[in-house]
Amino acid sequence: MAFSSVFKAPTVTSCLLIFISLASIEITTTKAQLSTNFYSKSCPNLFSVVKPVVQSAINKEKRQGASIVRLFFHDCFVNGCDGSILLDDTSSFTGEKTAIPNRNSARGFEVIDNIKSAVEKACPGVVSCADVLAVAARDSTVILGGPNWNVKLGRRDARTASRSAANNGIPPPTSNLNQLISRFNALGLSTRDLVALSGAHTIGLARCTSFRTRIYNETNIDRSFAQTRRSNCPSTNGTGDNNLAPLDLQTPTTFDNNYFKNLLTRKGLLHSDQQLFNGGSTDSTVRTYSNGQSTFFSDFVTGMIKMGDISPLTGSKGEIRKNCRRVN
């Protein structure tokens, strides 16, 4: 046969090239499964269903916007953006809600529940909790004055969660610059992404336990700023641990670039915040964002889209949860 006469056994090199090509196709396909029009036919009204619920929650409490954005961060940094942070503990696993980075601080779960209920009424069994969270994070940013972007969708939900993975995956507020860069790089996020995404701290509040050591023991902090923060954060552990302070001293409920301006004057609330402007490699980026809000907004959008691409469950993996707190 003509076919058999030209066929040659593949060499080791050609097999390797075939494997690399197939692997590349698989990676490309996985990423391609997330798209901005994923629900255009199966749930065309998704965005108009989600935003009013987010708006209502923020109208009642401005802080909810920051809480929802933080939930998205903490979800994506633990085994990818799979809605695992939303799962309650079960007899078979201890979830992420009680991990050190989330315990007594992660919030906004009821808002996600309300959004999911509204979405289920409009499009039953179609939209994942992971995607609901991604859209809610975008809407929260926009409602508080930040940039808009087209959210890539098509994620499916995890069937399990891991407290240990959350403890190890989310950078603590005590992180130094090298630790932050390393963790972000490990997830495919650049150092510039790190600085831009840290700008989410232009909204929201932090607990005394997260900044106590900084305001009492560190020297790269504005003295009057430290004194002000000490007034509601006693030095003794266990006293006033849950007392709150704004991450952005000036406009804690408006998404702007004041966070970076605060870093220039050594008024970063968290140790990890001030590390971005402390004589290191990220100083110039902080200056750029403090001088140009539009540049910050543009880079923040880039970072959010890249973060949303971290290890999504797609295709037949995972499930579409009916209730974000438990598997089907």
C-alpha atoms as a PDB file:
ATOM      1  CA  MET A   1       0.000   0.000   0.000  1.00  0.00           C
ATOM      2  CA  ALA A   2       1.164   3.496  -0.705  1.00  0.00           C
ATOM      3  CA  PHE A   3       0.428   4.618   2.840  1.00  0.00           C
ATOM      4  CA  SER A   4       2.517   1.890   4.432  1.00  0.00           C
ATOM      5  CA  SER A   5       5.378   2.473   2.019  1.00  0.00           C
ATOM      6  CA  VAL A   6       5.897   6.049   3.261  1.00  0.00           C
ATOM      7  CA  PHE A   7       5.182   5.449   6.924  1.00  0.00           C
ATOM      8  CA  LYS A   8       8.187   5.585   9.248  1.00  0.00           C
ATOM      9  CA  ALA A   9       8.370   4.645  12.900  1.00  0.00           C
ATOM     10  CA  PRO A  10       8.497   7.832  14.966  1.00  0.00           C
ATOM     11  CA  THR A  11      11.793   8.766  16.527  1.00  0.00           C
ATOM     12  CA  VAL A  12      12.161   9.772  20.167  1.00  0.00           C
ATOM     13  CA  THR A  13      12.548  13.382  19.040  1.00  0.00           C
ATOM     14  CA  SER A  14       9.404  13.360  16.923  1.00  0.00           C
ATOM     15  CA  CYS A  15       7.429  11.711  19.748  1.00  0.00           C
ATOM     16  CA  LEU A  16       8.593  14.452  22.087  1.00  0.00           C
ATOM     17  CA  LEU A  17       7.597  17.141  19.616  1.00  0.00           C
ATOM     18  CA  ILE A  18       4.188  15.525  19.176  1.00  0.00           C
ATOM     19  CA  PHE A  19       3.765  15.395  22.957  1.00  0.00           C
ATOM     20  CA  ILE A  20       4.753  19.050  23.346  1.00  0.00           C
ATOM     21  CA  SER A  21       2.369  20.035  20.540  1.00  0.00           C
ATOM     22  CA  LEU A  22      -0.501  18.106  22.102  1.00  0.00           C
ATOM     23  CA  ALA A  23       0.265  19.575  25.522  1.00  0.00           C
ATOM     24  CA  SER A  24       0.235  23.057  24.029  1.00  0.00           C
ATOM     25  CA  ILE A  25      -3.100  22.365  22.370  1.00  0.00           C
ATOM     26  CA  GLU A  26      -4.519  21.132  25.670  1.00  0.00           C
ATOM     27  CA  ILE A  27      -3.339  24.221  27.559  1.00  0.00           C
ATOM     28  CA  THR A  28      -4.679  26.526  24.856  1.00  0.00           C
ATOM     29  CA  THR A  29      -7.994  24.717  24.816  1.00  0.00           C
ATOM     30  CA  THR A  30      -8.359  24.956  28.587  1.00  0.00           C
ATOM     31  CA  LYS A  31      -7.796  28.703  28.504  1.00  0.00           C
ATOM     32  CA  ALA A  32     -10.013  29.109  25.467  1.00  0.00           C
ATOM     33  CA  GLN A  33     -12.913  27.563  27.372  1.00  0.00           C
ATOM     34  CA  LEU A  34     -13.126  30.744  29.426  1.00  0.00           C
ATOM     35  CA  SER A  35     -14.739  33.446  27.339  1.00  0.00           C
ATOM     36  CA  THR A  36     -16.542  36.714  27.877  1.00  0.00           C
ATOM     37  CA  ASN A  37     -19.643  35.446  26.050  1.00  0.00           C
ATOM     38  CA  PHE A  38     -19.798  32.004  27.668  1.00  0.00           C
ATOM     39  CA  TYR A  39     -23.381  32.483  28.899  1.00  0.00           C
ATOM     40  CA  SER A  40     -24.621  34.609  25.992  1.00  0.00           C
ATOM     41  CA  LYS A  41     -27.127  31.916  25.003  1.00  0.00           C
ATOM     42  CA  SER A  42     -27.570  29.856  28.180  1.00  0.00           C
ATOM     43  CA  CYS A  43     -28.031  32.830  30.545  1.00  0.00           C
ATOM     44  CA  PRO A  44     -28.168  36.049  28.482  1.00  0.00           C
ATOM     45  CA  ASN A  45     -29.417  38.183  31.387  1.00  0.00           C
ATOM     46  CA  LEU A  46     -26.668  37.124  33.814  1.00  0.00           C
ATOM     47  CA  PHE A  47     -25.084  40.552  34.243  1.00  0.00           C
ATOM     48  CA  SER A  48     -28.388  42.365  34.669  1.00  0.00           C
ATOM     49  CA  VAL A  49     -29.350  39.840  37.355  1.00  0.00           C
ATOM     50  CA  VAL A  50     -26.092  40.047  39.308  1.00  0.00           C
ATOM     51  CA  LYS A  51     -25.418  43.787  39.446  1.00  0.00           C
ATOM     52  CA  PRO A  52     -28.607  44.931  41.249  1.00  0.00           C
ATOM     53  CA  VAL A  53     -27.955  42.440  44.058  1.00  0.00           C
ATOM     54  CA  VAL A  54     -24.380  43.678  44.431  1.00  0.00           C
ATOM     55  CA  GLN A  55     -25.583  47.283  44.297  1.00  0.00           C
ATOM     56  CA  SER A  56     -28.175  46.631  47.000  1.00  0.00           C
ATOM     57  CA  ALA A  57     -25.593  45.030  49.293  1.00  0.00           C
ATOM     58  CA  ILE A  58     -23.161  47.931  48.856  1.00  0.00           C
ATOM     59  CA  ASN A  59     -25.942  50.476  49.408  1.00  0.00           C
ATOM     60  CA  LYS A  60     -26.588  48.844  52.775  1.00  0.00           C
ATOM     61  CA  GLU A  61     -22.892  48.603  53.650  1.00  0.00           C
ATOM     62  CA  LYS A  62     -20.108  50.064  51.516  1.00  0.00           C
ATOM     63  CA  ARG A  63     -17.621  47.609  52.981  1.00  0.00           C
ATOM     64  CA  GLN A  64     -19.341  44.715  51.230  1.00  0.00           C
ATOM     65  CA  GLY A  65     -17.743  45.735  47.937  1.00  0.00           C
ATOM     66  CA  ALA A  66     -14.249  45.301  49.338  1.00  0.00           C
ATOM     67  CA  SER A  67     -15.259  42.042  51.020  1.00  0.00           C
ATOM     68  CA  ILE A  68     -16.457  40.546  47.731  1.00  0.00           C
ATOM     69  CA  VAL A  69     -13.301  41.577  45.868  1.00  0.00           C
ATOM     70  CA  ARG A  70     -11.254  39.998  48.666  1.00  0.00           C
ATOM     71  CA  LEU A  71     -13.277  36.768  48.416  1.00  0.00           C
ATOM     72  CA  PHE A  72     -12.351  36.528  44.739  1.00  0.00           C
ATOM     73  CA  PHE A  73      -8.659  36.992  45.549  1.00  0.00           C
ATOM     74  CA  HIS A  74      -8.755  34.386  48.304  1.00  0.00           C
ATOM     75  CA  ASP A  75     -10.617  31.954  46.079  1.00  0.00           C
ATOM     76  CA  CYS A  76      -8.237  32.221  43.129  1.00  0.00           C
ATOM     77  CA  PHE A  77      -5.082  31.973  45.259  1.00  0.00           C
ATOM     78  CA  VAL A  78      -6.125  28.542  46.571  1.00  0.00           C
ATOM     79  CA  ASN A  79      -6.210  25.862  43.860  1.00  0.00           C
ATOM     80  CA  GLY A  80      -7.503  28.376  41.328  1.00  0.00           C
ATOM     81  CA  CYS A  81     -10.776  30.253  40.854  1.00  0.00           C
ATOM     82  CA  ASP A  82     -13.146  27.392  41.635  1.00  0.00           C
ATOM     83  CA  GLY A  83     -15.551  28.740  44.262  1.00  0.00           C
ATOM     84  CA  SER A  84     -13.960  26.554  46.945  1.00  0.00           C
ATOM     85  CA  ILE A  85     -13.833  29.403  49.459  1.00  0.00           C
ATOM     86  CA  LEU A  86     -17.642  29.467  49.458  1.00  0.00           C
ATOM     87  CA  LEU A  87     -18.019  25.891  50.728  1.00  0.00           C
ATOM     88  CA  ASP A  88     -19.000  25.241  54.329  1.00  0.00           C
ATOM     89  CA  ASP A  89     -17.185  22.518  56.264  1.00  0.00           C
ATOM     90  CA  THR A  90     -18.518  18.981  55.971  1.00  0.00           C
ATOM     91  CA  SER A  91     -17.808  15.646  57.617  1.00  0.00           C
ATOM     92  CA  SER A  92     -15.380  14.814  54.791  1.00  0.00           C
ATOM     93  CA  PHE A  93     -13.320  18.024  54.639  1.00  0.00           C
ATOM     94  CA  THR A  94     -12.501  21.175  56.571  1.00  0.00           C
ATOM     95  CA  GLY A  95     -12.898  24.057  54.176  1.00  0.00           C
ATOM     96  CA  GLU A  96     -11.202  27.396  53.660  1.00  0.00           C
ATOM     97  CA  LYS A  97     -13.503  29.616  55.683  1.00  0.00           C
ATOM     98  CA  THR A  98     -11.726  28.775  58.947  1.00  0.00           C
ATOM     99  CA  ALA A  99      -8.189  29.078  57.533  1.00  0.00           C
ATOM    100  CA  ILE A 100      -6.041  31.730  59.200  1.00  0.00           C
ATOM    101  CA  PRO A 101      -6.328  34.246  56.300  1.00  0.00           C
ATOM    102  CA  ASN A 102     -10.138  33.929  56.331  1.00  0.00           C
ATOM    103  CA  ARG A 103     -11.170  33.203  59.905  1.00  0.00           C
ATOM    104  CA  ASN A 104     -13.132  36.105  61.405  1.00  0.00           C
ATOM    105  CA  SER A 105     -12.352  38.243  58.345  1.00  0.00           C
ATOM    106  CA  ALA A 106     -13.677  36.689  55.123  1.00  0.00           C
ATOM    107  CA  ARG A 107     -17.186  38.001  54.602  1.00  0.00           C
ATOM    108  CA  GLY A 108     -19.775  38.658  51.922  1.00  0.00           C
ATOM    109  CA  PHE A 109     -20.932  35.032  51.749  1.00  0.00           C
ATOM    110  CA  GLU A 110     -24.569  36.042  52.242  1.00  0.00           C
ATOM    111  CA  VAL A 111     -24.300  38.452  49.307  1.00  0.00           C
ATOM    112  CA  ILE A 112     -23.015  35.649  47.080  1.00  0.00           C
ATOM    113  CA  ASP A 113     -25.880  33.456  48.334  1.00  0.00           C
ATOM    114  CA  ASN A 114     -28.372  36.142  47.333  1.00  0.00           C
ATOM    115  CA  ILE A 115     -26.806  36.581  43.908  1.00  0.00           C
ATOM    116  CA  LYS A 116     -26.790  32.842  43.318  1.00  0.00           C
ATOM    117  CA  SER A 117     -30.469  32.586  44.281  1.00  0.00           C
ATOM    118  CA  ALA A 118     -31.367  35.310  41.799  1.00  0.00           C
ATOM    119  CA  VAL A 119     -29.268  33.688  39.062  1.00  0.00           C
ATOM    120  CA  GLU A 120     -30.828  30.265  39.740  1.00  0.00           C
ATOM    121  CA  LYS A 121     -34.284  31.757  39.244  1.00  0.00           C
ATOM    122  CA  ALA A 122     -33.220  33.236  35.909  1.00  0.00           C
ATOM    123  CA  CYS A 123     -31.088  30.336  34.660  1.00  0.00           C
ATOM    124  CA  PRO A 124     -31.378  27.171  36.807  1.00  0.00           C
ATOM    125  CA  GLY A 125     -28.280  25.007  36.986  1.00  0.00           C
ATOM    126  CA  VAL A 126     -26.307  27.001  34.430  1.00  0.00           C
ATOM    127  CA  VAL A 127     -23.957  29.509  36.120  1.00  0.00           C
ATOM    128  CA  SER A 128     -21.260  28.373  38.536  1.00  0.00           C
ATOM    129  CA  CYS A 129     -20.626  29.940  41.919  1.00  0.00           C
ATOM    130  CA  ALA A 130     -17.043  30.592  40.796  1.00  0.00           C
ATOM    131  CA  ASP A 131     -18.342  32.717  37.926  1.00  0.00           C
ATOM    132  CA  VAL A 132     -20.904  34.448  40.143  1.00  0.00           C
ATOM    133  CA  LEU A 133     -18.031  35.500  42.415  1.00  0.00           C
ATOM    134  CA  ALA A 134     -15.928  36.703  39.472  1.00  0.00           C
ATOM    135  CA  VAL A 135     -18.757  38.877  38.141  1.00  0.00           C
ATOM    136  CA  ALA A 136     -19.614  40.187  41.626  1.00  0.00           C
ATOM    137  CA  ALA A 137     -15.979  41.214  42.167  1.00  0.00           C
ATOM    138  CA  ARG A 138     -16.006  43.184  38.919  1.00  0.00           C
ATOM    139  CA  ASP A 139     -19.330  44.825  39.741  1.00  0.00           C
ATOM    140  CA  SER A 140     -18.143  45.730  43.252  1.00  0.00           C
ATOM    141  CA  THR A 141     -15.073  47.423  41.796  1.00  0.00           C
ATOM    142  CA  VAL A 142     -17.132  49.423  39.316  1.00  0.00           C
ATOM    143  CA  ILE A 143     -19.807  50.443  41.833  1.00  0.00           C
ATOM    144  CA  LEU A 144     -17.128  51.846  44.160  1.00  0.00           C
ATOM    145  CA  GLY A 145     -15.638  53.946  41.359  1.00  0.00           C
ATOM    146  CA  GLY A 146     -13.081  51.569  39.867  1.00  0.00           C
ATOM    147  CA  PRO A 147     -12.512  50.356  36.314  1.00  0.00           C
ATOM    148  CA  ASN A 148     -14.796  48.108  34.284  1.00  0.00           C
ATOM    149  CA  TRP A 149     -13.789  45.043  32.270  1.00  0.00           C
ATOM    150  CA  ASN A 150     -15.274  42.089  30.423  1.00  0.00           C
ATOM    151  CA  VAL A 151     -15.147  39.112  32.773  1.00  0.00           C
ATOM    152  CA  LYS A 152     -14.037  35.814  31.270  1.00  0.00           C
ATOM    153  CA  LEU A 153     -16.470  33.054  32.254  1.00  0.00           C
ATOM    154  CA  GLY A 154     -16.961  29.320  31.990  1.00  0.00           C
ATOM    155  CA  ARG A 155     -15.504  28.162  35.304  1.00  0.00           C
ATOM    156  CA  ARG A 156     -17.036  25.232  37.129  1.00  0.00           C
ATOM    157  CA  ASP A 157     -17.191  24.681  40.875  1.00  0.00           C
ATOM    158  CA  ALA A 158     -14.931  22.567  43.049  1.00  0.00           C
ATOM    159  CA  ARG A 159     -16.422  19.673  44.975  1.00  0.00           C
ATOM    160  CA  THR A 160     -14.035  20.086  47.878  1.00  0.00           C
ATOM    161  CA  ALA A 161     -11.985  22.685  49.739  1.00  0.00           C
ATOM    162  CA  SER A 162      -8.826  22.661  51.849  1.00  0.00           C
ATOM    163  CA  ARG A 163      -8.024  24.704  54.927  1.00  0.00           C
ATOM    164  CA  SER A 164      -4.342  23.766  54.720  1.00  0.00           C
ATOM    165  CA  ALA A 165      -4.167  24.923  51.097  1.00  0.00           C
ATOM    166  CA  ALA A 166      -5.666  28.260  52.128  1.00  0.00           C
ATOM    167  CA  ASN A 167      -3.209  28.600  55.003  1.00  0.00           C
ATOM    168  CA  ASN A 168      -0.308  28.022  52.619  1.00  0.00           C
ATOM    169  CA  GLY A 169      -1.629  29.720  49.495  1.00  0.00           C
ATOM    170  CA  ILE A 170      -2.712  33.178  50.633  1.00  0.00           C
ATOM    171  CA  PRO A 171       0.154  35.580  51.473  1.00  0.00           C
ATOM    172  CA  PRO A 172      -0.185  36.813  55.075  1.00  0.00           C
ATOM    173  CA  PRO A 173       0.036  40.539  55.931  1.00  0.00           C
ATOM    174  CA  THR A 174       3.452  39.850  57.478  1.00  0.00           C
ATOM    175  CA  SER A 175       4.923  38.936  54.068  1.00  0.00           C
ATOM    176  CA  ASN A 176       8.055  40.698  52.855  1.00  0.00           C
ATOM    177  CA  LEU A 177       8.495  41.817  49.248  1.00  0.00           C
ATOM    178  CA  ASN A 178      10.402  38.736  48.095  1.00  0.00           C
ATOM    179  CA  GLN A 179       7.753  36.441  49.551  1.00  0.00           C
ATOM    180  CA  LEU A 180       4.987  38.391  47.816  1.00  0.00           C
ATOM    181  CA  ILE A 181       6.767  38.376  44.462  1.00  0.00           C
ATOM    182  CA  SER A 182       7.490  34.656  44.770  1.00  0.00           C
ATOM    183  CA  ARG A 183       3.887  33.735  45.546  1.00  0.00           C
ATOM    184  CA  PHE A 184       2.447  35.862  42.755  1.00  0.00           C
ATOM    185  CA  ASN A 185       5.019  34.592  40.254  1.00  0.00           C
ATOM    186  CA  ALA A 186       4.168  30.998  41.182  1.00  0.00           C
ATOM    187  CA  LEU A 187       0.611  31.690  40.018  1.00  0.00           C
ATOM    188  CA  GLY A 188       1.680  33.265  36.749  1.00  0.00           C
ATOM    189  CA  LEU A 189       1.306  36.838  38.008  1.00  0.00           C
ATOM    190  CA  SER A 190       4.096  39.340  37.434  1.00  0.00           C
ATOM    191  CA  THR A 191       5.608  41.740  39.936  1.00  0.00           C
ATOM    192  CA  ARG A 192       3.662  44.546  38.251  1.00  0.00           C
ATOM    193  CA  ASP A 193       0.484  42.474  38.690  1.00  0.00           C
ATOM    194  CA  LEU A 194       1.364  42.187  42.377  1.00  0.00           C
ATOM    195  CA  VAL A 195       1.533  45.949  42.820  1.00  0.00           C
ATOM    196  CA  ALA A 196      -1.571  46.630  40.739  1.00  0.00           C
ATOM    197  CA  LEU A 197      -3.684  43.977  42.469  1.00  0.00           C
ATOM    198  CA  SER A 198      -2.502  45.163  45.893  1.00  0.00           C
ATOM    199  CA  GLY A 199      -4.212  48.404  44.926  1.00  0.00           C
ATOM    200  CA  ALA A 200      -7.480  46.670  45.832  1.00  0.00           C
ATOM    201  CA  HIS A 201      -6.513  47.765  49.345  1.00  0.00           C
ATOM    202  CA  THR A 202      -7.724  51.208  48.316  1.00  0.00           C
ATOM    203  CA  ILE A 203     -11.056  49.918  49.685  1.00  0.00           C
ATOM    204  CA  GLY A 204     -11.949  48.004  52.802  1.00  0.00           C
ATOM    205  CA  LEU A 205     -10.925  47.584  56.412  1.00  0.00           C
ATOM    206  CA  ALA A 206      -8.412  45.460  58.293  1.00  0.00           C
ATOM    207  CA  ARG A 207      -8.521  43.925  61.755  1.00  0.00           C
ATOM    208  CA  CYS A 208      -6.195  45.074  64.522  1.00  0.00           C
ATOM    209  CA  THR A 209      -4.499  41.652  64.584  1.00  0.00           C
ATOM    210  CA  SER A 210      -3.330  42.246  61.011  1.00  0.00           C
ATOM    211  CA  PHE A 211      -1.527  45.530  61.694  1.00  0.00           C
ATOM    212  CA  ARG A 212      -0.756  45.561  65.441  1.00  0.00           C
ATOM    213  CA  THR A 213       2.910  44.602  65.039  1.00  0.00           C
ATOM    214  CA  ARG A 214       3.429  47.235  62.350  1.00  0.00           C
ATOM    215  CA  ILE A 215       2.046  50.191  64.279  1.00  0.00           C
ATOM    216  CA  TYR A 216       3.945  49.336  67.483  1.00  0.00           C
ATOM    217  CA  ASN A 217       7.237  47.858  66.275  1.00  0.00           C
ATOM    218  CA  GLU A 218       8.108  49.077  62.778  1.00  0.00           C
ATOM    219  CA  THR A 219      10.108  52.190  61.926  1.00  0.00           C
ATOM    220  CA  ASN A 220       9.136  52.744  58.266  1.00  0.00           C
ATOM    221  CA  ILE A 221       5.806  54.192  59.322  1.00  0.00           C
ATOM    222  CA  ASP A 222       4.608  57.772  59.730  1.00  0.00           C
ATOM    223  CA  ARG A 223       4.657  58.519  63.450  1.00  0.00           C
ATOM    224  CA  SER A 224       1.341  60.374  63.653  1.00  0.00           C
ATOM    225  CA  PHE A 225      -0.320  57.718  61.503  1.00  0.00           C
ATOM    226  CA  ALA A 226       0.903  54.988  63.833  1.00  0.00           C
ATOM    227  CA  GLN A 227      -0.309  56.942  66.842  1.00  0.00           C
ATOM    228  CA  THR A 228      -3.769  57.347  65.319  1.00  0.00           C
ATOM    229  CA  ARG A 229      -4.032  53.632  64.600  1.00  0.00           C
ATOM    230  CA  ARG A 230      -2.899  52.734  68.130  1.00  0.00           C
ATOM    231  CA  SER A 231      -5.936  54.535  69.537  1.00  0.00           C
ATOM    232  CA  ASN A 232      -8.216  51.653  68.523  1.00  0.00           C
ATOM    233  CA  CYS A 233      -5.696  48.810  68.442  1.00  0.00           C
ATOM    234  CA  PRO A 234      -4.212  48.068  71.889  1.00  0.00           C
ATOM    235  CA  SER A 235      -0.742  46.548  71.993  1.00  0.00           C
ATOM    236  CA  THR A 236      -1.844  43.513  73.996  1.00  0.00           C
ATOM    237  CA  ASN A 237      -2.765  40.450  71.963  1.00  0.00           C
ATOM    238  CA  GLY A 238      -6.347  39.422  72.588  1.00  0.00           C
ATOM    239  CA  THR A 239      -7.454  42.975  73.334  1.00  0.00           C
ATOM    240  CA  GLY A 240      -9.352  44.700  70.552  1.00  0.00           C
ATOM    241  CA  ASP A 241      -8.251  42.097  68.020  1.00  0.00           C
ATOM    242  CA  ASN A 242     -11.326  42.652  65.864  1.00  0.00           C
ATOM    243  CA  ASN A 243     -11.240  46.441  65.959  1.00  0.00           C
ATOM    244  CA  LEU A 244     -11.116  47.793  62.413  1.00  0.00           C
ATOM    245  CA  ALA A 245      -9.142  50.447  60.554  1.00  0.00           C
ATOM    246  CA  PRO A 246      -9.294  51.560  56.903  1.00  0.00           C
ATOM    247  CA  LEU A 247      -6.663  50.179  54.547  1.00  0.00           C
ATOM    248  CA  ASP A 248      -6.784  53.506  52.705  1.00  0.00           C
ATOM    249  CA  LEU A 249      -6.697  56.347  55.191  1.00  0.00           C
ATOM    250  CA  GLN A 250      -8.296  58.899  52.861  1.00  0.00           C
ATOM    251  CA  THR A 251     -11.041  57.247  50.796  1.00  0.00           C
ATOM    252  CA  PRO A 252     -11.718  53.744  52.168  1.00  0.00           C
ATOM    253  CA  THR A 253     -14.986  53.304  50.262  1.00  0.00           C
ATOM    254  CA  THR A 254     -13.829  54.713  46.911  1.00  0.00           C
ATOM    255  CA  PHE A 255     -11.764  52.739  44.420  1.00  0.00           C
ATOM    256  CA  ASP A 256      -8.969  55.156  43.497  1.00  0.00           C
ATOM    257  CA  ASN A 257      -5.172  55.459  43.675  1.00  0.00           C
ATOM    258  CA  ASN A 258      -4.901  57.010  47.140  1.00  0.00           C
ATOM    259  CA  TYR A 259      -3.597  53.684  48.470  1.00  0.00           C
ATOM    260  CA  PHE A 260      -0.371  54.276  46.546  1.00  0.00           C
ATOM    261  CA  LYS A 261      -0.136  57.903  47.644  1.00  0.00           C
ATOM    262  CA  ASN A 262      -0.346  56.681  51.238  1.00  0.00           C
ATOM    263  CA  LEU A 263       2.565  54.303  50.670  1.00  0.00           C
ATOM    264  CA  LEU A 264       4.755  57.238  49.550  1.00  0.00           C
ATOM    265  CA  THR A 265       4.191  58.881  52.942  1.00  0.00           C
ATOM    266  CA  ARG A 266       4.749  55.621  54.885  1.00  0.00           C
ATOM    267  CA  LYS A 267       1.066  55.275  55.725  1.00  0.00           C
ATOM    268  CA  GLY A 268       0.535  51.736  54.508  1.00  0.00           C
ATOM    269  CA  LEU A 269      -1.548  49.969  57.150  1.00  0.00           C
ATOM    270  CA  LEU A 270      -0.220  46.453  56.667  1.00  0.00           C
ATOM    271  CA  HIS A 271       3.426  45.401  56.710  1.00  0.00           C
ATOM    272  CA  SER A 272       2.877  43.782  53.290  1.00  0.00           C
ATOM    273  CA  ASP A 273       1.445  47.059  51.948  1.00  0.00           C
ATOM    274  CA  GLN A 274       4.462  49.171  52.906  1.00  0.00           C
ATOM    275  CA  GLN A 275       6.814  46.522  51.525  1.00  0.00           C
ATOM    276  CA  LEU A 276       5.766  47.683  48.064  1.00  0.00           C
ATOM    277  CA  PHE A 277       7.414  51.042  48.765  1.00  0.00           C
ATOM    278  CA  ASN A 278      10.383  50.447  50.991  1.00  0.00           C
ATOM    279  CA  GLY A 279      13.486  50.925  48.864  1.00  0.00           C
ATOM    280  CA  GLY A 280      12.858  47.839  46.759  1.00  0.00           C
ATOM    281  CA  SER A 281      12.184  46.871  43.153  1.00  0.00           C
ATOM    282  CA  THR A 282       8.523  47.926  43.219  1.00  0.00           C
ATOM    283  CA  ASP A 283       9.063  51.527  44.361  1.00  0.00           C
ATOM    284  CA  SER A 284       8.941  52.911  40.821  1.00  0.00           C
ATOM    285  CA  THR A 285       5.644  51.158  40.050  1.00  0.00           C
ATOM    286  CA  VAL A 286       4.080  52.571  43.217  1.00  0.00           C
ATOM    287  CA  ARG A 287       5.190  56.054  42.149  1.00  0.00           C
ATOM    288  CA  THR A 288       3.730  55.498  38.688  1.00  0.00           C
ATOM    289  CA  TYR A 289       0.345  54.487  40.100  1.00  0.00           C
ATOM    290  CA  SER A 290       0.321  57.315  42.640  1.00  0.00           C
ATOM    291  CA  ASN A 291       0.830  59.801  39.810  1.00  0.00           C
ATOM    292  CA  GLY A 292      -1.507  58.187  37.288  1.00  0.00           C
ATOM    293  CA  GLN A 293      -4.801  56.627  38.299  1.00  0.00           C
ATOM    294  CA  SER A 294      -5.592  55.617  34.715  1.00  0.00           C
ATOM    295  CA  THR A 295      -2.386  53.559  34.518  1.00  0.00           C
ATOM    296  CA  PHE A 296      -3.260  51.864  37.796  1.00  0.00           C
ATOM    297  CA  PHE A 297      -6.781  51.121  36.605  1.00  0.00           C
ATOM    298  CA  SER A 298      -5.523  49.655  33.334  1.00  0.00           C
ATOM    299  CA  ASP A 299      -2.982  47.419  35.074  1.00  0.00           C
ATOM    300  CA  PHE A 300      -5.506  46.400  37.720  1.00  0.00           C
ATOM    301  CA  VAL A 301      -7.854  45.168  34.997  1.00  0.00           C
ATOM    302  CA  THR A 302      -5.006  43.219  33.392  1.00  0.00           C
ATOM    303  CA  GLY A 303      -4.153  41.661  36.756  1.00  0.00           C
ATOM    304  CA  MET A 304      -7.746  40.741  37.567  1.00  0.00           C
ATOM    305  CA  ILE A 305      -8.217  39.028  34.211  1.00  0.00           C
ATOM    306  CA  LYS A 306      -4.952  37.113  34.638  1.00  0.00           C
ATOM    307  CA  MET A 307      -5.867  36.129  38.182  1.00  0.00           C
ATOM    308  CA  GLY A 308      -9.256  34.918  36.974  1.00  0.00           C
ATOM    309  CA  ASP A 309      -7.412  32.567  34.606  1.00  0.00           C
ATOM    310  CA  ILE A 310      -5.674  30.684  37.419  1.00  0.00           C
ATOM    311  CA  SER A 311      -6.405  26.945  37.132  1.00  0.00           C
ATOM    312  CA  PRO A 312     -10.119  27.097  36.303  1.00  0.00           C
ATOM    313  CA  LEU A 313     -12.184  23.925  36.306  1.00  0.00           C
ATOM    314  CA  THR A 314     -13.732  23.659  32.853  1.00  0.00           C
ATOM    315  CA  GLY A 315     -15.457  21.156  30.601  1.00  0.00           C
ATOM    316  CA  SER A 316     -16.547  18.126  32.600  1.00  0.00           C
ATOM    317  CA  LYS A 317     -14.451  18.936  35.675  1.00  0.00           C
ATOM    318  CA  GLY A 318     -16.188  19.988  38.881  1.00  0.00           C
ATOM    319  CA  GLU A 319     -19.872  20.844  38.832  1.00  0.00           C
ATOM    320  CA  ILE A 320     -22.374  23.708  38.745  1.00  0.00           C
ATOM    321  CA  ARG A 321     -23.409  24.025  42.382  1.00  0.00           C
ATOM    322  CA  LYS A 322     -27.030  24.839  43.097  1.00  0.00           C
ATOM    323  CA  ASN A 323     -26.063  26.171  46.515  1.00  0.00           C
ATOM    324  CA  CYS A 324     -22.656  27.822  46.797  1.00  0.00           C
ATOM    325  CA  ARG A 325     -22.176  26.570  50.360  1.00  0.00           C
ATOM    326  CA  ARG A 326     -22.365  22.871  49.530  1.00  0.00           C
ATOM    327  CA  VAL A 327     -21.801  20.401  46.735  1.00  0.00           C
ATOM    328  CA  ASN A 328     -24.790  19.033  44.874  1.00  0.00           C
END
